[in-house]
């Protein structure tokens, strides 16, 4: 019916390995305002209609926002565009410093996304 379940041991190994990375550990530190899969409403620049965007994880620390999108597939240029769009929306919302990342979970790979 769907993809087979990932064995628990493999998931735990992935999580432990991920938290060995100081960058990933930083995303889970105390004191951040966290928004998981929260909607961002904006006007679509092409159609003028209301559009909904939903980044996987946004962490706020004062005027700084960090957006992370989790991916369980192979890297694709569209993934970076998606994060850049989220970054632009956060800038429009008034965050002066915005950083974006893709986290390819199964590959244990993080990619910093450069803004437009």
Protein backbone atom coordinates (compact mmCIF):
# COMPACT_ATOMS: atom_id res chain seq x y z
CA UNK A 1 0.00 0.00 0.00
CA UNK A 2 2.72 2.47 0.95
CA UNK A 3 6.39 2.62 1.69
CA UNK A 4 7.60 0.03 4.19
CA UNK A 5 8.14 1.29 7.72
CA UNK A 6 11.66 2.28 8.66
CA UNK A 7 13.05 0.11 11.46
CA UNK A 8 13.14 1.89 14.80
CA UNK A 9 16.89 1.27 15.18
CA UNK A 10 17.58 3.01 11.88
CA UNK A 11 15.50 6.03 12.89
CA UNK A 12 17.33 6.28 16.22
CA UNK A 13 20.70 6.02 14.45
CA UNK A 14 19.68 8.79 12.03
CA UNK A 15 18.62 11.06 14.88
CA UNK A 16 21.81 10.46 16.89
CA UNK A 17 23.97 11.11 13.85
CA UNK A 18 22.04 14.26 12.96
CA UNK A 19 22.54 15.71 16.43
CA UNK A 20 26.30 15.21 16.10
CA UNK A 21 26.15 18.14 13.65
CA UNK A 22 26.50 21.44 15.59
CA UNK A 23 24.28 23.23 13.04
CA UNK A 24 21.40 20.80 13.57
CA UNK A 25 21.87 20.89 17.35
CA UNK A 26 21.56 24.69 17.20
CA UNK A 27 18.11 24.37 15.61
CA UNK A 28 16.83 22.59 18.71
CA UNK A 29 18.38 24.76 21.42
CA UNK A 30 16.19 26.20 24.17
CA UNK A 31 15.01 29.78 23.94
CA UNK A 32 13.93 29.82 20.30
CA UNK A 33 10.39 30.63 19.29
CA UNK A 34 9.42 27.64 17.21
CA UNK A 35 6.84 27.35 14.46
CA UNK A 36 6.38 23.88 13.01
CA UNK A 37 4.35 23.66 9.81
CA UNK A 38 2.61 26.98 10.45
CA UNK A 39 0.84 28.60 7.54
CA UNK A 40 2.14 31.82 6.02
CA UNK A 41 -0.53 33.64 4.04
CA UNK A 42 0.56 35.88 1.19
CA UNK A 43 -0.70 37.24 -2.08
CA UNK A 44 0.50 35.22 -5.05
CA UNK A 45 2.45 37.72 -7.20
CA UNK A 46 1.33 36.05 -10.44
CA UNK A 47 -2.39 35.73 -9.81
CA UNK A 48 -3.08 38.23 -7.04
CA UNK A 49 -4.94 35.53 -5.14
CA UNK A 50 -4.27 34.47 -1.58
CA UNK A 51 -1.67 31.69 -1.31
CA UNK A 52 -0.68 29.51 1.64
CA UNK A 53 2.92 28.49 2.31
CA UNK A 54 3.92 25.99 4.98
CA UNK A 55 7.60 25.65 5.90
CA UNK A 56 8.48 22.60 7.99
CA UNK A 57 10.29 24.48 10.75
CA UNK A 58 10.88 28.17 11.44
CA UNK A 59 12.92 29.25 14.43
CA UNK A 60 12.79 32.85 15.62
CA UNK A 61 15.40 34.52 17.82
CA UNK A 62 14.69 38.24 18.07
CA UNK A 63 14.87 39.71 14.55
CA UNK A 64 16.52 36.57 13.14
CA UNK A 65 14.54 33.80 11.47
CA UNK A 66 15.88 30.43 10.34
CA UNK A 67 13.77 28.23 8.09
CA UNK A 68 14.47 24.51 7.65
CA UNK A 69 12.70 22.25 5.22
CA UNK A 70 13.05 18.51 5.83
CA UNK A 71 13.44 16.36 2.74
CA UNK A 72 13.30 12.59 2.50
CA UNK A 73 14.05 12.47 -1.23
CA UNK A 74 17.08 13.10 -3.39
CA UNK A 75 18.17 16.74 -3.80
CA UNK A 76 16.32 18.78 -6.40
CA UNK A 77 16.70 22.43 -7.49
CA UNK A 78 13.01 22.98 -6.73
CA UNK A 79 13.74 22.33 -3.05
CA UNK A 80 16.07 25.34 -2.91
CA UNK A 81 13.52 27.54 -4.68
CA UNK A 82 10.91 26.53 -2.12
CA UNK A 83 13.16 27.54 0.79
CA UNK A 84 14.11 30.81 -0.96
CA UNK A 85 10.42 31.62 -1.27
CA UNK A 86 9.95 31.01 2.46
CA UNK A 87 12.96 33.21 3.20
CA UNK A 88 11.51 36.04 1.10
CA UNK A 89 8.20 35.81 2.93
CA UNK A 90 9.92 35.99 6.30
CA UNK A 91 11.81 39.10 5.17
CA UNK A 92 8.50 40.66 4.13
CA UNK A 93 7.22 39.86 7.61
CA UNK A 94 9.98 42.09 9.05
CA UNK A 95 12.76 39.68 10.00
CA UNK A 96 16.02 41.46 9.20
CA UNK A 97 18.24 38.39 9.19
CA UNK A 98 16.86 35.28 7.50
CA UNK A 99 18.71 32.06 6.82
CA UNK A 100 17.41 28.95 5.10
CA UNK A 101 18.42 25.31 5.03
CA UNK A 102 17.42 22.04 3.49
CA UNK A 103 17.91 18.96 5.62
CA UNK A 104 18.08 15.75 3.62
CA UNK A 105 17.35 13.50 6.58
CA UNK A 106 18.21 10.06 5.17
CA UNK A 107 21.44 11.39 3.66
CA UNK A 108 22.25 13.29 6.88
CA UNK A 109 23.06 16.29 4.70
CA UNK A 110 22.30 19.94 5.38
CA UNK A 111 22.43 22.51 2.61
CA UNK A 112 22.42 26.23 3.25
CA UNK A 113 20.17 28.02 0.76
CA UNK A 114 21.35 31.36 -0.50
CA UNK A 115 18.75 34.11 -0.88
CA UNK A 116 17.68 35.42 -4.28
